[in-house]
Amino acid sequence: MLASAVIKVAIEHLNSTILGEIKLHRNMRNDLENMKMTLESVDAVLRDAERESIKHRSMLLWLKQLKDAANDISHMLEDFEDETDLNLVCKILIWSLSILI
């Protein structure tokens, strides 16, 4: 009976931890969506600027650096999002298994 109580407490703790993770994941998803919209705005500005006949080398260099940085950030966010989704799925599976045990 004591072991059963310990297991019950552990499962409750695990449940609250996973629910906290899910809430954190939702908040993070909103932040990622905001970053995505910002990157899309930067991309639109870059496309407009590239269409214009820019004669200043410093402006061309700045635009290239901005474009490279936006691409790097975009790839980093995609990798992070994929990893976060995988971690969340694993935690939910562990939680599901804990209920069955």
PDB file of N, CA and C in Angstrom:
ATOM      1  N   MET A   1       0.818  -1.188   0.000  1.00  0.00           N
ATOM      2  CA  MET A   1       0.000   0.000   0.000  1.00  0.00           C
ATOM      3  C   MET A   1       0.868   1.261   0.000  1.00  0.00           C
ATOM      4  N   LEU A   2       1.973   1.248   0.748  1.00  0.00           N
ATOM      5  CA  LEU A   2       2.877   2.386   0.781  1.00  0.00           C
ATOM      6  C   LEU A   2       3.492   2.616  -0.592  1.00  0.00           C
ATOM      7  N   ALA A   3       3.892   1.521  -1.259  1.00  0.00           N
ATOM      8  CA  ALA A   3       4.463   1.648  -2.598  1.00  0.00           C
ATOM      9  C   ALA A   3       3.438   2.244  -3.559  1.00  0.00           C
ATOM     10  N   SER A   4       2.197   1.845  -3.411  1.00  0.00           N
ATOM     11  CA  SER A   4       1.132   2.369  -4.262  1.00  0.00           C
ATOM     12  C   SER A   4       0.970   3.877  -4.068  1.00  0.00           C
ATOM     13  N   ALA A   5       1.063   4.341  -2.827  1.00  0.00           N
ATOM     14  CA  ALA A   5       0.945   5.772  -2.534  1.00  0.00           C
ATOM     15  C   ALA A   5       2.114   6.542  -3.139  1.00  0.00           C
ATOM     16  N   VAL A   6       3.309   5.974  -3.040  1.00  0.00           N
ATOM     17  CA  VAL A   6       4.499   6.623  -3.606  1.00  0.00           C
ATOM     18  C   VAL A   6       4.357   6.731  -5.120  1.00  0.00           C
ATOM     19  N   ILE A   7       3.897   5.653  -5.743  1.00  0.00           N
ATOM     20  CA  ILE A   7       3.710   5.662  -7.195  1.00  0.00           C
ATOM     21  C   ILE A   7       2.652   6.679  -7.589  1.00  0.00           C
ATOM     22  N   LYS A   8       1.579   6.756  -6.808  1.00  0.00           N
ATOM     23  CA  LYS A   8       0.514   7.719  -7.102  1.00  0.00           C
ATOM     24  C   LYS A   8       1.046   9.148  -7.040  1.00  0.00           C
ATOM     25  N   VAL A   9       1.850   9.460  -6.022  1.00  0.00           N
ATOM     26  CA  VAL A   9       2.439  10.796  -5.893  1.00  0.00           C
ATOM     27  C   VAL A   9       3.367  11.073  -7.072  1.00  0.00           C
ATOM     28  N   ALA A  10       4.162  10.074  -7.454  1.00  0.00           N
ATOM     29  CA  ALA A  10       5.079  10.242  -8.584  1.00  0.00           C
ATOM     30  C   ALA A  10       4.309  10.515  -9.872  1.00  0.00           C
ATOM     31  N   ILE A  11       3.225   9.793 -10.072  1.00  0.00           N
ATOM     32  CA  ILE A  11       2.408   9.992 -11.275  1.00  0.00           C
ATOM     33  C   ILE A  11       1.779  11.380 -11.269  1.00  0.00           C
ATOM     34  N   GLU A  12       1.282  11.827 -10.121  1.00  0.00           N
ATOM     35  CA  GLU A  12       0.696  13.167 -10.027  1.00  0.00           C
ATOM     36  C   GLU A  12       1.742  14.235 -10.325  1.00  0.00           C
ATOM     37  N   HIS A  13       2.944  14.036  -9.795  1.00  0.00           N
ATOM     38  CA  HIS A  13       4.031  14.984 -10.059  1.00  0.00           C
ATOM     39  C   HIS A  13       4.363  14.994 -11.549  1.00  0.00           C
ATOM     40  N   LEU A  14       4.436  13.822 -12.137  1.00  0.00           N
ATOM     41  CA  LEU A  14       4.723  13.712 -13.566  1.00  0.00           C
ATOM     42  C   LEU A  14       3.630  14.388 -14.389  1.00  0.00           C
ATOM     43  N   ASN A  15       2.384  14.179 -14.009  1.00  0.00           N
ATOM     44  CA  ASN A  15       1.265  14.817 -14.715  1.00  0.00           C
ATOM     45  C   ASN A  15       1.377  16.334 -14.677  1.00  0.00           C
ATOM     46  N   SER A  16       1.647  16.893 -13.499  1.00  0.00           N
ATOM     47  CA  SER A  16       1.726  18.350 -13.396  1.00  0.00           C
ATOM     48  C   SER A  16       2.928  18.884 -14.167  1.00  0.00           C
ATOM     49  N   THR A  17       4.023  18.132 -14.157  1.00  0.00           N
ATOM     50  CA  THR A  17       5.206  18.547 -14.911  1.00  0.00           C
ATOM     51  C   THR A  17       4.905  18.568 -16.401  1.00  0.00           C
ATOM     52  N   ILE A  18       4.260  17.530 -16.883  1.00  0.00           N
ATOM     53  CA  ILE A  18       3.948  17.459 -18.311  1.00  0.00           C
ATOM     54  C   ILE A  18       2.936  18.530 -18.700  1.00  0.00           C
ATOM     55  N   LEU A  19       1.945  18.773 -17.858  1.00  0.00           N
ATOM     56  CA  LEU A  19       0.983  19.833 -18.162  1.00  0.00           C
ATOM     57  C   LEU A  19       1.678  21.194 -18.217  1.00  0.00           C
ATOM     58  N   GLY A  20       2.639  21.406 -17.320  1.00  0.00           N
ATOM     59  CA  GLY A  20       3.431  22.639 -17.363  1.00  0.00           C
ATOM     60  C   GLY A  20       4.232  22.743 -18.649  1.00  0.00           C
ATOM     61  N   GLU A  21       4.798  21.620 -19.083  1.00  0.00           N
ATOM     62  CA  GLU A  21       5.547  21.585 -20.336  1.00  0.00           C
ATOM     63  C   GLU A  21       4.639  21.918 -21.518  1.00  0.00           C
ATOM     64  N   ILE A  22       3.429  21.384 -21.500  1.00  0.00           N
ATOM     65  CA  ILE A  22       2.493  21.646 -22.596  1.00  0.00           C
ATOM     66  C   ILE A  22       2.147  23.135 -22.641  1.00  0.00           C
ATOM     67  N   LYS A  23       1.916  23.736 -21.474  1.00  0.00           N
ATOM     68  CA  LYS A  23       1.611  25.167 -21.417  1.00  0.00           C
ATOM     69  C   LYS A  23       2.800  25.976 -21.927  1.00  0.00           C
ATOM     70  N   LEU A  24       4.001  25.600 -21.496  1.00  0.00           N
ATOM     71  CA  LEU A  24       5.208  26.282 -21.956  1.00  0.00           C
ATOM     72  C   LEU A  24       5.341  26.144 -23.466  1.00  0.00           C
ATOM     73  N   HIS A  25       5.043  24.956 -23.977  1.00  0.00           N
ATOM     74  CA  HIS A  25       5.127  24.705 -25.416  1.00  0.00           C
ATOM     75  C   HIS A  25       4.152  25.607 -26.175  1.00  0.00           C
ATOM     76  N   ARG A  26       2.942  25.766 -25.648  1.00  0.00           N
ATOM     77  CA  ARG A  26       1.959  26.641 -26.307  1.00  0.00           C
ATOM     78  C   ARG A  26       2.448  28.081 -26.333  1.00  0.00           C
ATOM     79  N   ASN A  27       2.992  28.553 -25.203  1.00  0.00           N
ATOM     80  CA  ASN A  27       3.517  29.918 -25.151  1.00  0.00           C
ATOM     81  C   ASN A  27       4.671  30.087 -26.130  1.00  0.00           C
ATOM     82  N   MET A  28       5.520  29.067 -26.189  1.00  0.00           N
ATOM     83  CA  MET A  28       6.660  29.125 -27.086  1.00  0.00           C
ATOM     84  C   MET A  28       6.183  29.138 -28.535  1.00  0.00           C
ATOM     85  N   ARG A  29       5.147  28.389 -28.814  1.00  0.00           N
ATOM     86  CA  ARG A  29       4.595  28.351 -30.178  1.00  0.00           C
ATOM     87  C   ARG A  29       4.131  29.752 -30.581  1.00  0.00           C
ATOM     88  N   ASN A  30       3.489  30.482 -29.663  1.00  0.00           N
ATOM     89  CA  ASN A  30       3.060  31.855 -29.957  1.00  0.00           C
ATOM     90  C   ASN A  30       4.258  32.744 -30.246  1.00  0.00           C
ATOM     91  N   ASP A  31       5.308  32.609 -29.441  1.00  0.00           N
ATOM     92  CA  ASP A  31       6.519  33.396 -29.671  1.00  0.00           C
ATOM     93  C   ASP A  31       7.128  33.072 -31.028  1.00  0.00           C
ATOM     94  N   LEU A  32       7.155  31.793 -31.375  1.00  0.00           N
ATOM     95  CA  LEU A  32       7.702  31.391 -32.671  1.00  0.00           C
ATOM     96  C   LEU A  32       6.860  31.947 -33.817  1.00  0.00           C
ATOM     97  N   GLU A  33       5.553  31.959 -33.650  1.00  0.00           N
ATOM     98  CA  GLU A  33       4.683  32.526 -34.686  1.00  0.00           C
ATOM     99  C   GLU A  33       4.955  34.022 -34.856  1.00  0.00           C
ATOM    100  N   ASN A  34       5.161  34.734 -33.737  1.00  0.00           N
ATOM    101  CA  ASN A  34       5.482  36.161 -33.818  1.00  0.00           C
ATOM    102  C   ASN A  34       6.810  36.380 -34.528  1.00  0.00           C
ATOM    103  N   MET A  35       7.796  35.546 -34.210  1.00  0.00           N
ATOM    104  CA  MET A  35       9.092  35.655 -34.884  1.00  0.00           C
ATOM    105  C   MET A  35       8.948  35.376 -36.373  1.00  0.00           C
ATOM    106  N   LYS A  36       8.125  34.414 -36.710  1.00  0.00           N
ATOM    107  CA  LYS A  36       7.903  34.075 -38.115  1.00  0.00           C
ATOM    108  C   LYS A  36       7.305  35.266 -38.861  1.00  0.00           C
ATOM    109  N   MET A  37       6.320  35.932 -38.246  1.00  0.00           N
ATOM    110  CA  MET A  37       5.709  37.093 -38.896  1.00  0.00           C
ATOM    111  C   MET A  37       6.731  38.213 -39.074  1.00  0.00           C
ATOM    112  N   THR A  38       7.600  38.404 -38.078  1.00  0.00           N
ATOM    113  CA  THR A  38       8.642  39.419 -38.190  1.00  0.00           C
ATOM    114  C   THR A  38       9.589  39.087 -39.331  1.00  0.00           C
ATOM    115  N   LEU A  39       9.989  37.819 -39.418  1.00  0.00           N
ATOM    116  CA  LEU A  39      10.880  37.406 -40.504  1.00  0.00           C
ATOM    117  C   LEU A  39      10.209  37.580 -41.865  1.00  0.00           C
ATOM    118  N   GLU A  40       8.931  37.317 -41.946  1.00  0.00           N
ATOM    119  CA  GLU A  40       8.214  37.518 -43.208  1.00  0.00           C
ATOM    120  C   GLU A  40       8.195  38.997 -43.591  1.00  0.00           C
ATOM    121  N   SER A  41       8.063  39.878 -42.599  1.00  0.00           N
ATOM    122  CA  SER A  41       8.106  41.316 -42.870  1.00  0.00           C
ATOM    123  C   SER A  41       9.485  41.736 -43.356  1.00  0.00           C
ATOM    124  N   VAL A  42      10.519  41.224 -42.695  1.00  0.00           N
ATOM    125  CA  VAL A  42      11.897  41.519 -43.111  1.00  0.00           C
ATOM    126  C   VAL A  42      12.114  41.022 -44.534  1.00  0.00           C
ATOM    127  N   ASP A  43      11.621  39.827 -44.828  1.00  0.00           N
ATOM    128  CA  ASP A  43      11.761  39.262 -46.168  1.00  0.00           C
ATOM    129  C   ASP A  43      11.095  40.154 -47.211  1.00  0.00           C
ATOM    130  N   ALA A  44       9.911  40.674 -46.906  1.00  0.00           N
ATOM    131  CA  ALA A  44       9.212  41.552 -47.850  1.00  0.00           C
ATOM    132  C   ALA A  44      10.016  42.824 -48.108  1.00  0.00           C
ATOM    133  N   VAL A  45      10.582  43.401 -47.045  1.00  0.00           N
ATOM    134  CA  VAL A  45      11.402  44.608 -47.198  1.00  0.00           C
ATOM    135  C   VAL A  45      12.629  44.300 -48.050  1.00  0.00           C
ATOM    136  N   LEU A  46      13.254  43.153 -47.791  1.00  0.00           N
ATOM    137  CA  LEU A  46      14.435  42.773 -48.568  1.00  0.00           C
ATOM    138  C   LEU A  46      14.096  42.592 -50.049  1.00  0.00           C
ATOM    139  N   ARG A  47      12.978  41.959 -50.315  1.00  0.00           N
ATOM    140  CA  ARG A  47      12.576  41.753 -51.718  1.00  0.00           C
ATOM    141  C   ARG A  47      12.317  43.091 -52.412  1.00  0.00           C
ATOM    142  N   ASP A  48      11.638  43.996 -51.708  1.00  0.00           N
ATOM    143  CA  ASP A  48      11.393  45.323 -52.282  1.00  0.00           C
ATOM    144  C   ASP A  48      12.709  46.043 -52.541  1.00  0.00           C
ATOM    145  N   ALA A  49      13.621  45.969 -51.588  1.00  0.00           N
ATOM    146  CA  ALA A  49      14.909  46.649 -51.723  1.00  0.00           C
ATOM    147  C   ALA A  49      15.729  46.051 -52.861  1.00  0.00           C
ATOM    148  N   GLU A  50      15.661  44.731 -53.029  1.00  0.00           N
ATOM    149  CA  GLU A  50      16.410  44.093 -54.109  1.00  0.00           C
ATOM    150  C   GLU A  50      15.865  44.503 -55.479  1.00  0.00           C
ATOM    151  N   ARG A  51      14.572  44.759 -55.561  1.00  0.00           N
ATOM    152  CA  ARG A  51      13.970  45.176 -56.826  1.00  0.00           C
ATOM    153  C   ARG A  51      14.370  46.601 -57.198  1.00  0.00           C
ATOM    154  N   GLU A  52      14.607  47.411 -56.184  1.00  0.00           N
ATOM    155  CA  GLU A  52      15.009  48.793 -56.435  1.00  0.00           C
ATOM    156  C   GLU A  52      16.452  48.808 -56.928  1.00  0.00           C
ATOM    157  N   SER A  53      16.780  49.824 -57.632  1.00  0.00           N
ATOM    158  CA  SER A  53      18.150  49.970 -58.127  1.00  0.00           C
ATOM    159  C   SER A  53      18.972  50.674 -57.053  1.00  0.00           C
ATOM    160  N   ILE A  54      19.579  49.879 -56.187  1.00  0.00           N
ATOM    161  CA  ILE A  54      20.366  50.445 -55.091  1.00  0.00           C
ATOM    162  C   ILE A  54      21.794  50.658 -55.580  1.00  0.00           C
ATOM    163  N   LYS A  55      22.284  51.866 -55.422  1.00  0.00           N
ATOM    164  CA  LYS A  55      23.605  52.213 -55.939  1.00  0.00           C
ATOM    165  C   LYS A  55      24.663  52.290 -54.851  1.00  0.00           C
ATOM    166  N   HIS A  56      24.253  52.300 -53.616  1.00  0.00           N
ATOM    167  CA  HIS A  56      25.216  52.412 -52.522  1.00  0.00           C
ATOM    168  C   HIS A  56      25.686  51.017 -52.119  1.00  0.00           C
ATOM    169  N   ARG A  57      26.994  50.805 -52.223  1.00  0.00           N
ATOM    170  CA  ARG A  57      27.547  49.492 -51.864  1.00  0.00           C
ATOM    171  C   ARG A  57      27.283  49.155 -50.392  1.00  0.00           C
ATOM    172  N   SER A  58      27.333  50.155 -49.539  1.00  0.00           N
ATOM    173  CA  SER A  58      27.104  49.893 -48.112  1.00  0.00           C
ATOM    174  C   SER A  58      25.677  49.383 -47.882  1.00  0.00           C
ATOM    175  N   MET A  59      24.723  49.926 -48.625  1.00  0.00           N
ATOM    176  CA  MET A  59      23.336  49.472 -48.492  1.00  0.00           C
ATOM    177  C   MET A  59      23.190  48.049 -49.023  1.00  0.00           C
ATOM    178  N   LEU A  60      23.843  47.751 -50.139  1.00  0.00           N
ATOM    179  CA  LEU A  60      23.802  46.392 -50.689  1.00  0.00           C
ATOM    180  C   LEU A  60      24.403  45.392 -49.711  1.00  0.00           C
ATOM    181  N   LEU A  61      25.524  45.768 -49.103  1.00  0.00           N
ATOM    182  CA  LEU A  61      26.176  44.892 -48.130  1.00  0.00           C
ATOM    183  C   LEU A  61      25.269  44.680 -46.918  1.00  0.00           C
ATOM    184  N   TRP A  62      24.667  45.758 -46.432  1.00  0.00           N
ATOM    185  CA  TRP A  62      23.773  45.655 -45.281  1.00  0.00           C
ATOM    186  C   TRP A  62      22.582  44.762 -45.593  1.00  0.00           C
ATOM    187  N   LEU A  63      22.008  44.917 -46.774  1.00  0.00           N
ATOM    188  CA  LEU A  63      20.870  44.081 -47.169  1.00  0.00           C
ATOM    189  C   LEU A  63      21.267  42.612 -47.259  1.00  0.00           C
ATOM    190  N   LYS A  64      22.461  42.347 -47.794  1.00  0.00           N
ATOM    191  CA  LYS A  64      22.931  40.961 -47.882  1.00  0.00           C
ATOM    192  C   LYS A  64      23.113  40.369 -46.486  1.00  0.00           C
ATOM    193  N   GLN A  65      23.713  41.138 -45.584  1.00  0.00           N
ATOM    194  CA  GLN A  65      23.912  40.657 -44.216  1.00  0.00           C
ATOM    195  C   GLN A  65      22.574  40.422 -43.516  1.00  0.00           C
ATOM    196  N   LEU A  66      21.629  41.308 -43.732  1.00  0.00           N
ATOM    197  CA  LEU A  66      20.304  41.151 -43.130  1.00  0.00           C
ATOM    198  C   LEU A  66      19.611  39.904 -43.672  1.00  0.00           C
ATOM    199  N   LYS A  67      19.737  39.692 -44.967  1.00  0.00           N
ATOM    200  CA  LYS A  67      19.130  38.511 -45.582  1.00  0.00           C
ATOM    201  C   LYS A  67      19.765  37.232 -45.038  1.00  0.00           C
ATOM    202  N   ASP A  68      21.097  37.212 -44.933  1.00  0.00           N
ATOM    203  CA  ASP A  68      21.785  36.036 -44.390  1.00  0.00           C
ATOM    204  C   ASP A  68      21.364  35.771 -42.942  1.00  0.00           C
ATOM    205  N   ALA A  69      21.275  36.835 -42.152  1.00  0.00           N
ATOM    206  CA  ALA A  69      20.871  36.679 -40.748  1.00  0.00           C
ATOM    207  C   ALA A  69      19.437  36.159 -40.655  1.00  0.00           C
ATOM    208  N   ALA A  70      18.551  36.673 -41.491  1.00  0.00           N
ATOM    209  CA  ALA A  70      17.158  36.213 -41.478  1.00  0.00           C
ATOM    210  C   ALA A  70      17.074  34.737 -41.860  1.00  0.00           C
ATOM    211  N   ASN A  71      17.864  34.322 -42.845  1.00  0.00           N
ATOM    212  CA  ASN A  71      17.880  32.906 -43.236  1.00  0.00           C
ATOM    213  C   ASN A  71      18.412  32.029 -42.108  1.00  0.00           C
ATOM    214  N   ASP A  72      19.487  32.475 -41.462  1.00  0.00           N
ATOM    215  CA  ASP A  72      20.047  31.708 -40.341  1.00  0.00           C
ATOM    216  C   ASP A  72      19.027  31.561 -39.214  1.00  0.00           C
ATOM    217  N   ILE A  73      18.357  32.643 -38.879  1.00  0.00           N
ATOM    218  CA  ILE A  73      17.355  32.609 -37.812  1.00  0.00           C
ATOM    219  C   ILE A  73      16.203  31.684 -38.196  1.00  0.00           C
ATOM    220  N   SER A  74      15.783  31.765 -39.436  1.00  0.00           N
ATOM    221  CA  SER A  74      14.689  30.916 -39.902  1.00  0.00           C
ATOM    222  C   SER A  74      15.043  29.438 -39.775  1.00  0.00           C
ATOM    223  N   HIS A  75      16.245  29.066 -40.197  1.00  0.00           N
ATOM    224  CA  HIS A  75      16.678  27.669 -40.092  1.00  0.00           C
ATOM    225  C   HIS A  75      16.801  27.229 -38.633  1.00  0.00           C
ATOM    226  N   MET A  76      17.327  28.111 -37.799  1.00  0.00           N
ATOM    227  CA  MET A  76      17.474  27.790 -36.385  1.00  0.00           C
ATOM    228  C   MET A  76      16.107  27.546 -35.741  1.00  0.00           C
ATOM    229  N   LEU A  77      15.136  28.388 -36.068  1.00  0.00           N
ATOM    230  CA  LEU A  77      13.797  28.234 -35.510  1.00  0.00           C
ATOM    231  C   LEU A  77      13.132  26.949 -35.993  1.00  0.00           C
ATOM    232  N   GLU A  78      13.334  26.602 -37.259  1.00  0.00           N
ATOM    233  CA  GLU A  78      12.782  25.347 -37.778  1.00  0.00           C
ATOM    234  C   GLU A  78      13.369  24.152 -37.037  1.00  0.00           C
ATOM    235  N   ASP A  79      14.705  24.164 -36.852  1.00  0.00           N
ATOM    236  CA  ASP A  79      15.356  23.068 -36.128  1.00  0.00           C
ATOM    237  C   ASP A  79      14.849  22.991 -34.695  1.00  0.00           C
ATOM    238  N   PHE A  80      14.734  24.146 -34.047  1.00  0.00           N
ATOM    239  CA  PHE A  80      14.276  24.194 -32.664  1.00  0.00           C
ATOM    240  C   PHE A  80      12.843  23.693 -32.549  1.00  0.00           C
ATOM    241  N   GLU A  81      12.008  24.104 -33.484  1.00  0.00           N
ATOM    242  CA  GLU A  81      10.603  23.697 -33.456  1.00  0.00           C
ATOM    243  C   GLU A  81      10.479  22.188 -33.646  1.00  0.00           C
ATOM    244  N   ASP A  82      11.253  21.629 -34.577  1.00  0.00           N
ATOM    245  CA  ASP A  82      11.222  20.181 -34.798  1.00  0.00           C
ATOM    246  C   ASP A  82      11.663  19.433 -33.546  1.00  0.00           C
ATOM    247  N   GLU A  83      12.738  19.916 -32.906  1.00  0.00           N
ATOM    248  CA  GLU A  83      13.259  19.265 -31.700  1.00  0.00           C
ATOM    249  C   GLU A  83      12.267  19.384 -30.549  1.00  0.00           C
ATOM    250  N   THR A  84      11.645  20.549 -30.414  1.00  0.00           N
ATOM    251  CA  THR A  84      10.673  20.770 -29.346  1.00  0.00           C
ATOM    252  C   THR A  84       9.465  19.866 -29.524  1.00  0.00           C
ATOM    253  N   ASP A  85       8.980  19.735 -30.758  1.00  0.00           N
ATOM    254  CA  ASP A  85       7.847  18.843 -31.022  1.00  0.00           C
ATOM    255  C   ASP A  85       8.193  17.414 -30.648  1.00  0.00           C
ATOM    256  N   LEU A  86       9.398  16.970 -30.997  1.00  0.00           N
ATOM    257  CA  LEU A  86       9.820  15.607 -30.688  1.00  0.00           C
ATOM    258  C   LEU A  86       9.906  15.401 -29.179  1.00  0.00           C
ATOM    259  N   ASN A  87      10.474  16.369 -28.463  1.00  0.00           N
ATOM    260  CA  ASN A  87      10.572  16.262 -27.002  1.00  0.00           C
ATOM    261  C   ASN A  87       9.190  16.194 -26.363  1.00  0.00           C
ATOM    262  N   LEU A  88       8.257  16.999 -26.841  1.00  0.00           N
ATOM    263  CA  LEU A  88       6.906  16.995 -26.280  1.00  0.00           C
ATOM    264  C   LEU A  88       6.227  15.652 -26.522  1.00  0.00           C
ATOM    265  N   VAL A  89       6.369  15.106 -27.711  1.00  0.00           N
ATOM    266  CA  VAL A  89       5.772  13.806 -28.019  1.00  0.00           C
ATOM    267  C   VAL A  89       6.345  12.739 -27.100  1.00  0.00           C
ATOM    268  N   CYS A  90       7.657  12.750 -26.901  1.00  0.00           N
ATOM    269  CA  CYS A  90       8.289  11.766 -26.007  1.00  0.00           C
ATOM    270  C   CYS A  90       7.755  11.896 -24.586  1.00  0.00           C
ATOM    271  N   LYS A  91       7.612  13.112 -24.104  1.00  0.00           N
ATOM    272  CA  LYS A  91       7.115  13.312 -22.742  1.00  0.00           C
ATOM    273  C   LYS A  91       5.670  12.844 -22.602  1.00  0.00           C
ATOM    274  N   ILE A  92       4.872  13.096 -23.618  1.00  0.00           N
ATOM    275  CA  ILE A  92       3.479  12.636 -23.568  1.00  0.00           C
ATOM    276  C   ILE A  92       3.420  11.115 -23.587  1.00  0.00           C
ATOM    277  N   LEU A  93       4.279  10.487 -24.387  1.00  0.00           N
ATOM    278  CA  LEU A  93       4.314   9.022 -24.413  1.00  0.00           C
ATOM    279  C   LEU A  93       4.721   8.455 -23.057  1.00  0.00           C
ATOM    280  N   ILE A  94       5.734   9.060 -22.436  1.00  0.00           N
ATOM    281  CA  ILE A  94       6.171   8.605 -21.109  1.00  0.00           C
ATOM    282  C   ILE A  94       5.035   8.771 -20.106  1.00  0.00           C
ATOM    283  N   TRP A  95       4.357   9.896 -20.169  1.00  0.00           N
ATOM    284  CA  TRP A  95       3.226  10.155 -19.279  1.00  0.00           C
ATOM    285  C   TRP A  95       2.134   9.111 -19.493  1.00  0.00           C
ATOM    286  N   SER A  96       1.828   8.820 -20.761  1.00  0.00           N
ATOM    287  CA  SER A  96       0.794   7.823 -21.064  1.00  0.00           C
ATOM    288  C   SER A  96       1.170   6.455 -20.520  1.00  0.00           C
ATOM    289  N   LEU A  97       2.434   6.096 -20.676  1.00  0.00           N
ATOM    290  CA  LEU A  97       2.892   4.806 -20.157  1.00  0.00           C
ATOM    291  C   LEU A  97       2.813   4.763 -18.639  1.00  0.00           C
ATOM    292  N   SER A  98       3.101   5.905 -17.999  1.00  0.00           N
ATOM    293  CA  SER A  98       3.070   5.924 -16.532  1.00  0.00           C
ATOM    294  C   SER A  98       1.657   5.684 -16.006  1.00  0.00           C
ATOM    295  N   ILE A  99       0.674   6.123 -16.740  1.00  0.00           N
ATOM    296  CA  ILE A  99      -0.713   5.903 -16.320  1.00  0.00           C
ATOM    297  C   ILE A  99      -1.067   4.425 -16.430  1.00  0.00           C
ATOM    298  N   LEU A 100      -0.547   3.780 -17.456  1.00  0.00           N
ATOM    299  CA  LEU A 100      -0.855   2.368 -17.674  1.00  0.00           C
ATOM    300  C   LEU A 100      -0.179   1.461 -16.653  1.00  0.00           C
ATOM    301  N   ILE A 101       0.944   1.904 -16.113  1.00  0.00           N
ATOM    302  CA  ILE A 101       1.707   1.053 -15.189  1.00  0.00           C
ATOM    303  C   ILE A 101       1.144   1.073 -13.819  1.00  0.00           C
TER     304      ILE A 101
END
